[in-house]
Amino acid sequence: MATDRHRRFSLLDGFGALSFVVIVATFLFVSDRAGVRMFGIHFFVGAVIHFRSGEPVEYGWEGRPPSGHITGWGAVLFYLVTGAIGLLAAIWPDTVIKVLGWDQ
């Protein structure tokens, strides 16, 4: 069981690393608008992957064991909100750029 969990997190880490490279390349070589859209897609896909895994949301300091876990409806609400933020960023990147102050 531990090997399956370790392999799944390795795949998620690989997905995250690849997404990071694609998002940075999109910001650098295409445009801010396309970069925000890619970020939104990554945020949405990440929320769906974690929601479907059924695991609780861990929180705490990076590099230390989790301080606690958000489970049940709290976790569902967390994934819905993060997925919605990603979807909104993908649909309306100009609004996100204005909110973040990148339009100046």
Protein backbone atom coordinates (compact mmCIF):
# COMPACT_ATOMS: atom_id res chain seq x y z
CA MET A 1 0.00 0.00 0.00
CA ALA A 2 2.79 2.44 0.83
CA THR A 3 4.44 1.87 -2.54
CA ASP A 4 1.21 2.70 -4.41
CA ARG A 5 0.77 5.90 -2.40
CA HIS A 6 4.40 6.87 -2.94
CA ARG A 7 4.11 6.27 -6.69
CA ARG A 8 0.89 8.30 -6.93
CA PHE A 9 2.51 11.27 -5.20
CA SER A 10 5.51 10.92 -7.49
CA LEU A 11 3.15 11.19 -10.48
CA LEU A 12 1.48 14.25 -8.94
CA ASP A 13 4.89 15.80 -8.32
CA GLY A 14 5.79 15.13 -11.94
CA PHE A 15 2.51 16.72 -13.05
CA GLY A 16 3.26 19.74 -10.88
CA ALA A 17 6.81 20.13 -12.18
CA LEU A 18 5.72 19.81 -15.81
CA SER A 19 2.87 22.27 -15.26
CA PHE A 20 5.27 24.74 -13.66
CA VAL A 21 7.59 24.62 -16.68
CA VAL A 22 4.68 25.00 -19.12
CA ILE A 23 3.17 27.91 -17.17
CA VAL A 24 6.49 29.78 -16.90
CA ALA A 25 7.20 29.21 -20.60
CA THR A 26 3.72 30.47 -21.48
CA PHE A 27 4.22 33.63 -19.39
CA LEU A 28 7.65 34.25 -20.93
CA PHE A 29 7.09 33.37 -24.57
CA VAL A 30 3.38 33.93 -25.24
CA SER A 31 1.67 36.51 -23.00
CA ASP A 32 0.48 37.28 -19.49
CA ARG A 33 -3.07 36.50 -20.52
CA ALA A 34 -2.16 33.04 -21.82
CA GLY A 35 -0.03 32.41 -18.71
CA VAL A 36 -2.91 33.25 -16.37
CA ARG A 37 -5.17 31.01 -18.42
CA MET A 38 -2.67 28.11 -18.13
CA PHE A 39 -2.36 28.76 -14.39
CA GLY A 40 -6.14 28.57 -14.07
CA ILE A 41 -6.26 25.29 -15.97
CA HIS A 42 -3.51 23.88 -13.74
CA PHE A 43 -5.37 25.02 -10.61
CA PHE A 44 -8.63 23.44 -11.82
CA VAL A 45 -7.03 20.13 -12.87
CA GLY A 46 -5.10 19.95 -9.59
CA ALA A 47 -8.30 20.47 -7.59
CA VAL A 48 -10.08 17.72 -9.55
CA ILE A 49 -7.17 15.29 -9.11
CA HIS A 50 -6.96 15.88 -5.37
CA PHE A 51 -10.76 15.78 -4.97
CA ARG A 52 -10.99 12.45 -6.76
CA SER A 53 -8.17 10.99 -4.65
CA GLY A 54 -10.43 11.30 -1.60
CA GLU A 55 -7.55 12.21 0.68
CA PRO A 56 -7.89 14.92 3.33
CA VAL A 57 -6.34 18.36 2.91
CA GLU A 58 -3.12 18.48 4.92
CA TYR A 59 -1.88 21.75 6.36
CA GLY A 60 1.20 22.84 8.25
CA TRP A 61 4.76 23.96 7.64
CA GLU A 62 6.61 22.78 4.54
CA GLY A 63 9.14 20.04 5.30
CA ARG A 64 7.51 19.01 8.57
CA PRO A 65 4.74 16.52 9.32
CA PRO A 66 1.24 17.93 8.78
CA SER A 67 -0.21 19.90 11.69
CA GLY A 68 -3.65 18.54 10.88
CA HIS A 69 -6.11 17.46 8.20
CA ILE A 70 -9.27 18.98 6.79
CA THR A 71 -11.76 16.19 6.09
CA GLY A 72 -15.39 15.77 5.09
CA TRP A 73 -17.38 18.75 3.87
CA GLY A 74 -14.52 21.10 4.68
CA ALA A 75 -12.27 19.28 2.22
CA VAL A 76 -15.03 19.17 -0.41
CA LEU A 77 -15.62 22.91 0.01
CA PHE A 78 -11.87 23.59 -0.21
CA TYR A 79 -11.55 21.66 -3.48
CA LEU A 80 -14.67 23.27 -4.94
CA VAL A 81 -13.39 26.77 -4.14
CA THR A 82 -9.90 26.11 -5.54
CA GLY A 83 -11.39 24.51 -8.65
CA ALA A 84 -13.74 27.46 -9.12
CA ILE A 85 -10.87 29.95 -8.77
CA GLY A 86 -8.93 28.04 -11.40
CA LEU A 87 -11.90 27.86 -13.73
CA LEU A 88 -12.59 31.58 -13.35
CA ALA A 89 -8.93 32.40 -14.04
CA ALA A 90 -9.05 30.26 -17.18
CA ILE A 91 -12.28 31.89 -18.40
CA TRP A 92 -11.54 35.53 -17.44
CA PRO A 93 -7.75 36.00 -17.39
CA ASP A 94 -8.05 39.76 -17.99
CA THR A 95 -9.97 40.18 -14.73
CA VAL A 96 -7.33 38.21 -12.81
CA ILE A 97 -4.58 40.36 -14.34
CA LYS A 98 -6.40 43.50 -13.19
CA VAL A 99 -7.03 42.11 -9.68
CA LEU A 100 -3.35 41.22 -9.31
CA GLY A 101 -2.29 44.65 -10.62
CA TRP A 102 -0.35 43.30 -13.59
CA ASP A 103 -2.11 45.61 -16.04
CA GLN A 104 -0.08 48.67 -15.05
